Amino acid sequence: MQGAGSDYAVIDGFPIPLDKVKTYKTSDAQTLILATDGYPQLFPTLADTESHLQECLHDDPLMLTIHPATKGWMQGTKSFDDRSFLKTKLPCLTTE
């Protein structure tokens, strides 16, 4: 995480470098999924996303090879990081 906040944009309480913020057009999208980095990979459903996370934790609990992370899974916790997953149908974000 050495470059966090300077090499790429993160929401962590410090100023966000707007030149690092990526934007994507969603005009053709029917669904929008946003998630935190606690999920190594996103899938169309929360169930599939959680299932993949559990496979990763089982196969690579230190998070070193499949999806390298800054920390591994510790016994007694549910994951290697906190996580949030938001899925919404579009066009809920209209400007009309």
PDB file of N, CA and C in Angstrom:
ATOM      1  N   MET A   1       0.824  -1.192   0.000  1.00  0.00           N
ATOM      2  CA  MET A   1       0.000   0.000   0.000  1.00  0.00           C
ATOM      3  C   MET A   1       0.871   1.259   0.000  1.00  0.00           C
ATOM      4  N   GLN A   2       2.110   1.111  -0.366  1.00  0.00           N
ATOM      5  CA  GLN A   2       3.044   2.232  -0.323  1.00  0.00           C
ATOM      6  C   GLN A   2       2.572   3.422  -1.150  1.00  0.00           C
ATOM      7  N   GLY A   3       1.947   3.170  -2.300  1.00  0.00           N
ATOM      8  CA  GLY A   3       1.525   4.267  -3.155  1.00  0.00           C
ATOM      9  C   GLY A   3       0.105   4.737  -2.936  1.00  0.00           C
ATOM     10  N   ALA A   4      -0.582   4.192  -1.938  1.00  0.00           N
ATOM     11  CA  ALA A   4      -1.987   4.561  -1.699  1.00  0.00           C
ATOM     12  C   ALA A   4      -2.112   6.061  -1.473  1.00  0.00           C
ATOM     13  N   GLY A   5      -3.017   6.660  -2.205  1.00  0.00           N
ATOM     14  CA  GLY A   5      -3.257   8.082  -2.058  1.00  0.00           C
ATOM     15  C   GLY A   5      -2.363   8.947  -2.931  1.00  0.00           C
ATOM     16  N   SER A   6      -1.339   8.351  -3.540  1.00  0.00           N
ATOM     17  CA  SER A   6      -0.492   9.136  -4.445  1.00  0.00           C
ATOM     18  C   SER A   6      -0.412   8.489  -5.829  1.00  0.00           C
ATOM     19  N   ASP A   7      -0.341   7.148  -5.876  1.00  0.00           N
ATOM     20  CA  ASP A   7      -0.304   6.443  -7.151  1.00  0.00           C
ATOM     21  C   ASP A   7      -1.695   6.102  -7.671  1.00  0.00           C
ATOM     22  N   TYR A   8      -2.652   5.984  -6.765  1.00  0.00           N
ATOM     23  CA  TYR A   8      -4.032   5.695  -7.140  1.00  0.00           C
ATOM     24  C   TYR A   8      -4.953   6.257  -6.062  1.00  0.00           C
ATOM     25  N   ALA A   9      -6.192   6.456  -6.423  1.00  0.00           N
ATOM     26  CA  ALA A   9      -7.141   7.092  -5.509  1.00  0.00           C
ATOM     27  C   ALA A   9      -7.722   6.076  -4.532  1.00  0.00           C
ATOM     28  N   VAL A  10      -7.763   6.458  -3.259  1.00  0.00           N
ATOM     29  CA  VAL A  10      -8.409   5.654  -2.231  1.00  0.00           C
ATOM     30  C   VAL A  10      -9.236   6.580  -1.350  1.00  0.00           C
ATOM     31  N   ILE A  11     -10.277   6.040  -0.757  1.00  0.00           N
ATOM     32  CA  ILE A  11     -11.077   6.799   0.205  1.00  0.00           C
ATOM     33  C   ILE A  11     -10.642   6.330   1.583  1.00  0.00           C
ATOM     34  N   ASP A  12      -9.771   7.105   2.212  1.00  0.00           N
ATOM     35  CA  ASP A  12      -9.214   6.694   3.495  1.00  0.00           C
ATOM     36  C   ASP A  12      -9.083   7.848   4.486  1.00  0.00           C
ATOM     37  N   GLY A  13      -9.797   8.941   4.235  1.00  0.00           N
ATOM     38  CA  GLY A  13      -9.752  10.064   5.155  1.00  0.00           C
ATOM     39  C   GLY A  13      -8.742  11.132   4.783  1.00  0.00           C
ATOM     40  N   PHE A  14      -7.899  10.848   3.798  1.00  0.00           N
ATOM     41  CA  PHE A  14      -6.922  11.821   3.331  1.00  0.00           C
ATOM     42  C   PHE A  14      -7.396  12.408   2.013  1.00  0.00           C
ATOM     43  N   PRO A  15      -6.819  13.531   1.560  1.00  0.00           N
ATOM     44  CA  PRO A  15      -7.237  14.118   0.274  1.00  0.00           C
ATOM     45  C   PRO A  15      -7.117  13.109  -0.876  1.00  0.00           C
ATOM     46  N   ILE A  16      -8.089  13.144  -1.768  1.00  0.00           N
ATOM     47  CA  ILE A  16      -8.120  12.224  -2.905  1.00  0.00           C
ATOM     48  C   ILE A  16      -7.503  12.908  -4.113  1.00  0.00           C
ATOM     49  N   PRO A  17      -6.452  12.320  -4.715  1.00  0.00           N
ATOM     50  CA  PRO A  17      -5.857  12.911  -5.922  1.00  0.00           C
ATOM     51  C   PRO A  17      -6.800  12.698  -7.112  1.00  0.00           C
ATOM     52  N   LEU A  18      -7.527  13.730  -7.488  1.00  0.00           N
ATOM     53  CA  LEU A  18      -8.551  13.589  -8.525  1.00  0.00           C
ATOM     54  C   LEU A  18      -7.984  13.163  -9.870  1.00  0.00           C
ATOM     55  N   ASP A  19      -6.702  13.444 -10.129  1.00  0.00           N
ATOM     56  CA  ASP A  19      -6.113  13.004 -11.391  1.00  0.00           C
ATOM     57  C   ASP A  19      -5.934  11.488 -11.436  1.00  0.00           C
ATOM     58  N   LYS A  20      -6.100  10.817 -10.316  1.00  0.00           N
ATOM     59  CA  LYS A  20      -5.984   9.353 -10.257  1.00  0.00           C
ATOM     60  C   LYS A  20      -7.341   8.654 -10.272  1.00  0.00           C
ATOM     61  N   VAL A  21      -8.427   9.429 -10.213  1.00  0.00           N
ATOM     62  CA  VAL A  21      -9.771   8.854 -10.205  1.00  0.00           C
ATOM     63  C   VAL A  21     -10.138   8.407 -11.617  1.00  0.00           C
ATOM     64  N   LYS A  22     -10.551   7.152 -11.744  1.00  0.00           N
ATOM     65  CA  LYS A  22     -10.986   6.620 -13.034  1.00  0.00           C
ATOM     66  C   LYS A  22     -12.498   6.761 -13.144  1.00  0.00           C
ATOM     67  N   THR A  23     -12.969   7.147 -14.311  1.00  0.00           N
ATOM     68  CA  THR A  23     -14.413   7.233 -14.541  1.00  0.00           C
ATOM     69  C   THR A  23     -14.798   6.288 -15.672  1.00  0.00           C
ATOM     70  N   TYR A  24     -15.997   5.771 -15.586  1.00  0.00           N
ATOM     71  CA  TYR A  24     -16.495   4.835 -16.581  1.00  0.00           C
ATOM     72  C   TYR A  24     -17.897   5.257 -16.982  1.00  0.00           C
ATOM     73  N   LYS A  25     -18.210   5.174 -18.274  1.00  0.00           N
ATOM     74  CA  LYS A  25     -19.551   5.476 -18.748  1.00  0.00           C
ATOM     75  C   LYS A  25     -20.459   4.286 -18.438  1.00  0.00           C
ATOM     76  N   THR A  26     -21.613   4.570 -17.866  1.00  0.00           N
ATOM     77  CA  THR A  26     -22.558   3.510 -17.523  1.00  0.00           C
ATOM     78  C   THR A  26     -23.853   3.621 -18.308  1.00  0.00           C
ATOM     79  N   SER A  27     -23.839   4.420 -19.361  1.00  0.00           N
ATOM     80  CA  SER A  27     -25.090   4.666 -20.096  1.00  0.00           C
ATOM     81  C   SER A  27     -25.674   3.394 -20.704  1.00  0.00           C
ATOM     82  N   ASP A  28     -24.848   2.414 -21.031  1.00  0.00           N
ATOM     83  CA  ASP A  28     -25.344   1.170 -21.602  1.00  0.00           C
ATOM     84  C   ASP A  28     -25.520   0.075 -20.557  1.00  0.00           C
ATOM     85  N   ALA A  29     -25.148   0.346 -19.320  1.00  0.00           N
ATOM     86  CA  ALA A  29     -25.201  -0.673 -18.272  1.00  0.00           C
ATOM     87  C   ALA A  29     -26.606  -0.811 -17.700  1.00  0.00           C
ATOM     88  N   GLN A  30     -26.958  -2.025 -17.317  1.00  0.00           N
ATOM     89  CA  GLN A  30     -28.232  -2.277 -16.657  1.00  0.00           C
ATOM     90  C   GLN A  30     -28.053  -2.459 -15.152  1.00  0.00           C
ATOM     91  N   THR A  31     -26.830  -2.802 -14.750  1.00  0.00           N
ATOM     92  CA  THR A  31     -26.519  -3.054 -13.349  1.00  0.00           C
ATOM     93  C   THR A  31     -25.165  -2.446 -13.022  1.00  0.00           C
ATOM     94  N   LEU A  32     -25.044  -1.938 -11.809  1.00  0.00           N
ATOM     95  CA  LEU A  32     -23.776  -1.384 -11.336  1.00  0.00           C
ATOM     96  C   LEU A  32     -23.410  -2.081 -10.035  1.00  0.00           C
ATOM     97  N   ILE A  33     -22.192  -2.610  -9.965  1.00  0.00           N
ATOM     98  CA  ILE A  33     -21.700  -3.254  -8.754  1.00  0.00           C
ATOM     99  C   ILE A  33     -20.487  -2.478  -8.268  1.00  0.00           C
ATOM    100  N   LEU A  34     -20.528  -2.065  -7.006  1.00  0.00           N
ATOM    101  CA  LEU A  34     -19.403  -1.395  -6.357  1.00  0.00           C
ATOM    102  C   LEU A  34     -19.021  -2.218  -5.142  1.00  0.00           C
ATOM    103  N   ALA A  35     -17.728  -2.362  -4.901  1.00  0.00           N
ATOM    104  CA  ALA A  35     -17.283  -3.125  -3.740  1.00  0.00           C
ATOM    105  C   ALA A  35     -15.934  -2.608  -3.266  1.00  0.00           C
ATOM    106  N   THR A  36     -15.623  -2.923  -2.023  1.00  0.00           N
ATOM    107  CA  THR A  36     -14.322  -2.560  -1.472  1.00  0.00           C
ATOM    108  C   THR A  36     -13.288  -3.615  -1.853  1.00  0.00           C
ATOM    109  N   ASP A  37     -12.033  -3.311  -1.527  1.00  0.00           N
ATOM    110  CA  ASP A  37     -10.950  -4.224  -1.885  1.00  0.00           C
ATOM    111  C   ASP A  37     -10.902  -5.469  -1.003  1.00  0.00           C
ATOM    112  N   GLY A  38     -11.869  -5.639  -0.119  1.00  0.00           N
ATOM    113  CA  GLY A  38     -11.962  -6.870   0.657  1.00  0.00           C
ATOM    114  C   GLY A  38     -12.436  -8.046  -0.175  1.00  0.00           C
ATOM    115  N   TYR A  39     -12.908  -7.759  -1.375  1.00  0.00           N
ATOM    116  CA  TYR A  39     -13.261  -8.814  -2.319  1.00  0.00           C
ATOM    117  C   TYR A  39     -12.184  -8.868  -3.398  1.00  0.00           C
ATOM    118  N   PRO A  40     -11.495 -10.006  -3.533  1.00  0.00           N
ATOM    119  CA  PRO A  40     -10.429 -10.094  -4.530  1.00  0.00           C
ATOM    120  C   PRO A  40     -10.933 -10.022  -5.971  1.00  0.00           C
ATOM    121  N   GLN A  41     -12.183 -10.442  -6.194  1.00  0.00           N
ATOM    122  CA  GLN A  41     -12.753 -10.421  -7.543  1.00  0.00           C
ATOM    123  C   GLN A  41     -14.267 -10.315  -7.418  1.00  0.00           C
ATOM    124  N   LEU A  42     -14.875  -9.554  -8.320  1.00  0.00           N
ATOM    125  CA  LEU A  42     -16.332  -9.384  -8.290  1.00  0.00           C
ATOM    126  C   LEU A  42     -17.007 -10.302  -9.299  1.00  0.00           C
ATOM    127  N   PHE A  43     -18.190 -10.763  -8.925  1.00  0.00           N
ATOM    128  CA  PHE A  43     -19.025 -11.595  -9.782  1.00  0.00           C
ATOM    129  C   PHE A  43     -20.426 -10.994  -9.802  1.00  0.00           C
ATOM    130  N   PRO A  44     -21.319 -11.449 -10.661  1.00  0.00           N
ATOM    131  CA  PRO A  44     -22.645 -10.838 -10.791  1.00  0.00           C
ATOM    132  C   PRO A  44     -23.500 -10.863  -9.524  1.00  0.00           C
ATOM    133  N   THR A  45     -23.224 -11.773  -8.593  1.00  0.00           N
ATOM    134  CA  THR A  45     -24.023 -11.830  -7.372  1.00  0.00           C
ATOM    135  C   THR A  45     -23.106 -11.794  -6.148  1.00  0.00           C
ATOM    136  N   LEU A  46     -23.680 -11.364  -5.020  1.00  0.00           N
ATOM    137  CA  LEU A  46     -22.941 -11.386  -3.762  1.00  0.00           C
ATOM    138  C   LEU A  46     -22.576 -12.827  -3.400  1.00  0.00           C
ATOM    139  N   ALA A  47     -23.489 -13.756  -3.631  1.00  0.00           N
ATOM    140  CA  ALA A  47     -23.230 -15.164  -3.307  1.00  0.00           C
ATOM    141  C   ALA A  47     -22.014 -15.686  -4.070  1.00  0.00           C
ATOM    142  N   ASP A  48     -21.929 -15.394  -5.362  1.00  0.00           N
ATOM    143  CA  ASP A  48     -20.781 -15.845  -6.167  1.00  0.00           C
ATOM    144  C   ASP A  48     -19.498 -15.146  -5.738  1.00  0.00           C
ATOM    145  N   THR A  49     -19.603 -13.870  -5.404  1.00  0.00           N
ATOM    146  CA  THR A  49     -18.438 -13.100  -4.963  1.00  0.00           C
ATOM    147  C   THR A  49     -17.918 -13.650  -3.638  1.00  0.00           C
ATOM    148  N   GLU A  50     -18.837 -13.936  -2.707  1.00  0.00           N
ATOM    149  CA  GLU A  50     -18.458 -14.518  -1.413  1.00  0.00           C
ATOM    150  C   GLU A  50     -17.879 -15.919  -1.584  1.00  0.00           C
ATOM    151  N   SER A  51     -18.458 -16.699  -2.478  1.00  0.00           N
ATOM    152  CA  SER A  51     -17.971 -18.054  -2.731  1.00  0.00           C
ATOM    153  C   SER A  51     -16.527 -18.028  -3.234  1.00  0.00           C
ATOM    154  N   HIS A  52     -16.241 -17.116  -4.145  1.00  0.00           N
ATOM    155  CA  HIS A  52     -14.870 -16.997  -4.660  1.00  0.00           C
ATOM    156  C   HIS A  52     -13.920 -16.580  -3.540  1.00  0.00           C
ATOM    157  N   LEU A  53     -14.356 -15.647  -2.697  1.00  0.00           N
ATOM    158  CA  LEU A  53     -13.531 -15.224  -1.572  1.00  0.00           C
ATOM    159  C   LEU A  53     -13.214 -16.415  -0.671  1.00  0.00           C
ATOM    160  N   GLN A  54     -14.215 -17.227  -0.355  1.00  0.00           N
ATOM    161  CA  GLN A  54     -13.985 -18.382   0.515  1.00  0.00           C
ATOM    162  C   GLN A  54     -13.034 -19.390  -0.127  1.00  0.00           C
ATOM    163  N   GLU A  55     -13.129 -19.579  -1.450  1.00  0.00           N
ATOM    164  CA  GLU A  55     -12.191 -20.457  -2.154  1.00  0.00           C
ATOM    165  C   GLU A  55     -10.770 -19.921  -2.026  1.00  0.00           C
ATOM    166  N   CYS A  56     -10.617 -18.617  -2.193  1.00  0.00           N
ATOM    167  CA  CYS A  56      -9.290 -18.001  -2.069  1.00  0.00           C
ATOM    168  C   CYS A  56      -8.728 -18.179  -0.667  1.00  0.00           C
ATOM    169  N   LEU A  57      -9.571 -17.956   0.351  1.00  0.00           N
ATOM    170  CA  LEU A  57      -9.118 -18.096   1.732  1.00  0.00           C
ATOM    171  C   LEU A  57      -8.733 -19.537   2.042  1.00  0.00           C
ATOM    172  N   HIS A  58      -9.453 -20.478   1.459  1.00  0.00           N
ATOM    173  CA  HIS A  58      -9.140 -21.894   1.666  1.00  0.00           C
ATOM    174  C   HIS A  58      -7.839 -22.274   0.967  1.00  0.00           C
ATOM    175  N   ASP A  59      -7.694 -21.854  -0.301  1.00  0.00           N
ATOM    176  CA  ASP A  59      -6.541 -22.261  -1.109  1.00  0.00           C
ATOM    177  C   ASP A  59      -5.287 -21.427  -0.860  1.00  0.00           C
ATOM    178  N   ASP A  60      -5.452 -20.186  -0.409  1.00  0.00           N
ATOM    179  CA  ASP A  60      -4.314 -19.277  -0.216  1.00  0.00           C
ATOM    180  C   ASP A  60      -4.591 -18.368   0.987  1.00  0.00           C
ATOM    181  N   PRO A  61      -4.612 -18.933   2.210  1.00  0.00           N
ATOM    182  CA  PRO A  61      -4.993 -18.140   3.383  1.00  0.00           C
ATOM    183  C   PRO A  61      -4.078 -16.949   3.660  1.00  0.00           C
ATOM    184  N   LEU A  62      -2.858 -16.990   3.202  1.00  0.00           N
ATOM    185  CA  LEU A  62      -1.958 -15.851   3.413  1.00  0.00           C
ATOM    186  C   LEU A  62      -2.111 -14.785   2.334  1.00  0.00           C
ATOM    187  N   MET A  63      -2.970 -15.060   1.346  1.00  0.00           N
ATOM    188  CA  MET A  63      -3.236 -14.120   0.243  1.00  0.00           C
ATOM    189  C   MET A  63      -1.926 -13.708  -0.439  1.00  0.00           C
ATOM    190  N   LEU A  64      -1.145 -14.714  -0.804  1.00  0.00           N
ATOM    191  CA  LEU A  64       0.151 -14.467  -1.441  1.00  0.00           C
ATOM    192  C   LEU A  64       0.163 -14.753  -2.933  1.00  0.00           C
ATOM    193  N   THR A  65      -0.676 -15.682  -3.406  1.00  0.00           N
ATOM    194  CA  THR A  65      -0.536 -16.116  -4.800  1.00  0.00           C
ATOM    195  C   THR A  65      -1.753 -15.864  -5.687  1.00  0.00           C
ATOM    196  N   ILE A  66      -2.945 -16.264  -5.251  1.00  0.00           N
ATOM    197  CA  ILE A  66      -4.123 -16.154  -6.119  1.00  0.00           C
ATOM    198  C   ILE A  66      -4.470 -14.692  -6.362  1.00  0.00           C
ATOM    199  N   HIS A  67      -4.655 -13.948  -5.293  1.00  0.00           N
ATOM    200  CA  HIS A  67      -4.917 -12.506  -5.339  1.00  0.00           C
ATOM    201  C   HIS A  67      -4.049 -11.870  -4.252  1.00  0.00           C
ATOM    202  N   PRO A  68      -2.790 -11.571  -4.550  1.00  0.00           N
ATOM    203  CA  PRO A  68      -1.896 -11.026  -3.515  1.00  0.00           C
ATOM    204  C   PRO A  68      -2.492  -9.798  -2.823  1.00  0.00           C
ATOM    205  N   ALA A  69      -2.389  -9.785  -1.502  1.00  0.00           N
ATOM    206  CA  ALA A  69      -2.920  -8.692  -0.698  1.00  0.00           C
ATOM    207  C   ALA A  69      -1.876  -8.280   0.337  1.00  0.00           C
ATOM    208  N   THR A  70      -2.165  -7.209   1.044  1.00  0.00           N
ATOM    209  CA  THR A  70      -1.214  -6.695   2.024  1.00  0.00           C
ATOM    210  C   THR A  70      -1.245  -7.461   3.332  1.00  0.00           C
ATOM    211  N   LYS A  71      -2.271  -8.292   3.519  1.00  0.00           N
ATOM    212  CA  LYS A  71      -2.348  -9.105   4.734  1.00  0.00           C
ATOM    213  C   LYS A  71      -3.098 -10.389   4.423  1.00  0.00           C
ATOM    214  N   GLY A  72      -2.867 -11.381   5.248  1.00  0.00           N
ATOM    215  CA  GLY A  72      -3.525 -12.663   5.059  1.00  0.00           C
ATOM    216  C   GLY A  72      -4.674 -12.861   6.020  1.00  0.00           C
ATOM    217  N   TRP A  73      -5.329 -14.002   5.868  1.00  0.00           N
ATOM    218  CA  TRP A  73      -6.451 -14.375   6.720  1.00  0.00           C
ATOM    219  C   TRP A  73      -5.921 -14.866   8.050  1.00  0.00           C
ATOM    220  N   MET A  74      -6.539 -14.449   9.136  1.00  0.00           N
ATOM    221  CA  MET A  74      -6.136 -14.877  10.477  1.00  0.00           C
ATOM    222  C   MET A  74      -7.231 -15.742  11.080  1.00  0.00           C
ATOM    223  N   GLN A  75      -6.838 -16.794  11.760  1.00  0.00           N
ATOM    224  CA  GLN A  75      -7.797 -17.688  12.404  1.00  0.00           C
ATOM    225  C   GLN A  75      -8.700 -16.897  13.342  1.00  0.00           C
ATOM    226  N   GLY A  76      -9.979 -17.211  13.319  1.00  0.00           N
ATOM    227  CA  GLY A  76     -10.947 -16.520  14.155  1.00  0.00           C
ATOM    228  C   GLY A  76     -11.627 -15.355  13.463  1.00  0.00           C
ATOM    229  N   THR A  77     -11.169 -15.004  12.263  1.00  0.00           N
ATOM    230  CA  THR A  77     -11.810 -13.937  11.500  1.00  0.00           C
ATOM    231  C   THR A  77     -12.527 -14.547  10.299  1.00  0.00           C
ATOM    232  N   LYS A  78     -13.420 -13.780   9.703  1.00  0.00           N
ATOM    233  CA  LYS A  78     -14.189 -14.290   8.572  1.00  0.00           C
ATOM    234  C   LYS A  78     -13.518 -14.042   7.229  1.00  0.00           C
ATOM    235  N   SER A  79     -12.542 -13.132   7.190  1.00  0.00           N
ATOM    236  CA  SER A  79     -11.876 -12.819   5.937  1.00  0.00           C
ATOM    237  C   SER A  79     -10.548 -12.140   6.237  1.00  0.00           C
ATOM    238  N   PHE A  80      -9.823 -11.800   5.190  1.00  0.00           N
ATOM    239  CA  PHE A  80      -8.539 -11.130   5.349  1.00  0.00           C
ATOM    240  C   PHE A  80      -8.708  -9.617   5.467  1.00  0.00           C
ATOM    241  N   ASP A  81      -9.908  -9.103   5.152  1.00  0.00           N
ATOM    242  CA  ASP A  81     -10.143  -7.663   5.157  1.00  0.00           C
ATOM    243  C   ASP A  81     -11.640  -7.413   5.334  1.00  0.00           C
ATOM    244  N   ASP A  82     -11.993  -6.199   5.745  1.00  0.00           N
ATOM    245  CA  ASP A  82     -13.418  -5.867   5.798  1.00  0.00           C
ATOM    246  C   ASP A  82     -13.915  -5.712   4.368  1.00  0.00           C
ATOM    247  N   ARG A  83     -15.224  -5.816   4.171  1.00  0.00           N
ATOM    248  CA  ARG A  83     -15.727  -5.756   2.809  1.00  0.00           C
ATOM    249  C   ARG A  83     -17.142  -5.204   2.768  1.00  0.00           C
ATOM    250  N   SER A  84     -17.424  -4.570   1.641  1.00  0.00           N
ATOM    251  CA  SER A  84     -18.759  -4.056   1.347  1.00  0.00           C
ATOM    252  C   SER A  84     -19.056  -4.350  -0.109  1.00  0.00           C
ATOM    253  N   PHE A  85     -20.315  -4.640  -0.404  1.00  0.00           N
ATOM    254  CA  PHE A  85     -20.752  -4.995  -1.751  1.00  0.00           C
ATOM    255  C   PHE A  85     -22.079  -4.292  -1.995  1.00  0.00           C
ATOM    256  N   LEU A  86     -22.158  -3.520  -3.063  1.00  0.00           N
ATOM    257  CA  LEU A  86     -23.382  -2.819  -3.422  1.00  0.00           C
ATOM    258  C   LEU A  86     -23.715  -3.126  -4.877  1.00  0.00           C
ATOM    259  N   LYS A  87     -24.932  -3.608  -5.099  1.00  0.00           N
ATOM    260  CA  LYS A  87     -25.399  -3.882  -6.459  1.00  0.00           C
ATOM    261  C   LYS A  87     -26.700  -3.131  -6.653  1.00  0.00           C
ATOM    262  N   THR A  88     -26.786  -2.372  -7.735  1.00  0.00           N
ATOM    263  CA  THR A  88     -27.999  -1.614  -8.003  1.00  0.00           C
ATOM    264  C   THR A  88     -28.369  -1.735  -9.480  1.00  0.00           C
ATOM    265  N   LYS A  89     -29.652  -1.703  -9.722  1.00  0.00           N
ATOM    266  CA  LYS A  89     -30.149  -1.714 -11.098  1.00  0.00           C
ATOM    267  C   LYS A  89     -30.152  -0.299 -11.630  1.00  0.00           C
ATOM    268  N   LEU A  90     -29.781  -0.126 -12.861  1.00  0.00           N
ATOM    269  CA  LEU A  90     -29.816   1.179 -13.514  1.00  0.00           C
ATOM    270  C   LEU A  90     -31.054   1.235 -14.376  1.00  0.00           C
ATOM    271  N   PRO A  91     -31.622   2.337 -14.650  1.00  0.00           N
ATOM    272  CA  PRO A  91     -31.137   3.697 -14.418  1.00  0.00           C
ATOM    273  C   PRO A  91     -31.666   4.325 -13.135  1.00  0.00           C
ATOM    274  N   CYS A  92     -31.176   3.906 -12.000  1.00  0.00           N
ATOM    275  CA  CYS A  92     -31.579   4.541 -10.745  1.00  0.00           C
ATOM    276  C   CYS A  92     -30.844   5.855 -10.548  1.00  0.00           C
ATOM    277  N   LEU A  93     -29.789   6.068 -11.295  1.00  0.00           N
ATOM    278  CA  LEU A  93     -28.978   7.271 -11.150  1.00  0.00           C
ATOM    279  C   LEU A  93     -29.213   8.235 -12.306  1.00  0.00           C
ATOM    280  N   THR A  94     -30.444   8.605 -12.551  1.00  0.00           N
ATOM    281  CA  THR A  94     -30.744   9.510 -13.660  1.00  0.00           C
ATOM    282  C   THR A  94     -30.552  10.959 -13.246  1.00  0.00           C
ATOM    283  N   THR A  95     -30.363  11.820 -14.222  1.00  0.00           N
ATOM    284  CA  THR A  95     -30.181  13.253 -13.960  1.00  0.00           C
ATOM    285  C   THR A  95     -31.420  14.043 -14.336  1.00  0.00           C
ATOM    286  N   GLU A  96     -32.537  13.384 -14.589  1.00  0.00           N
ATOM    287  CA  GLU A  96     -33.771  14.079 -14.967  1.00  0.00           C
ATOM    288  C   GLU A  96     -34.453  14.693 -13.785  1.00  0.00           C
TER     289      GLU A  96
END
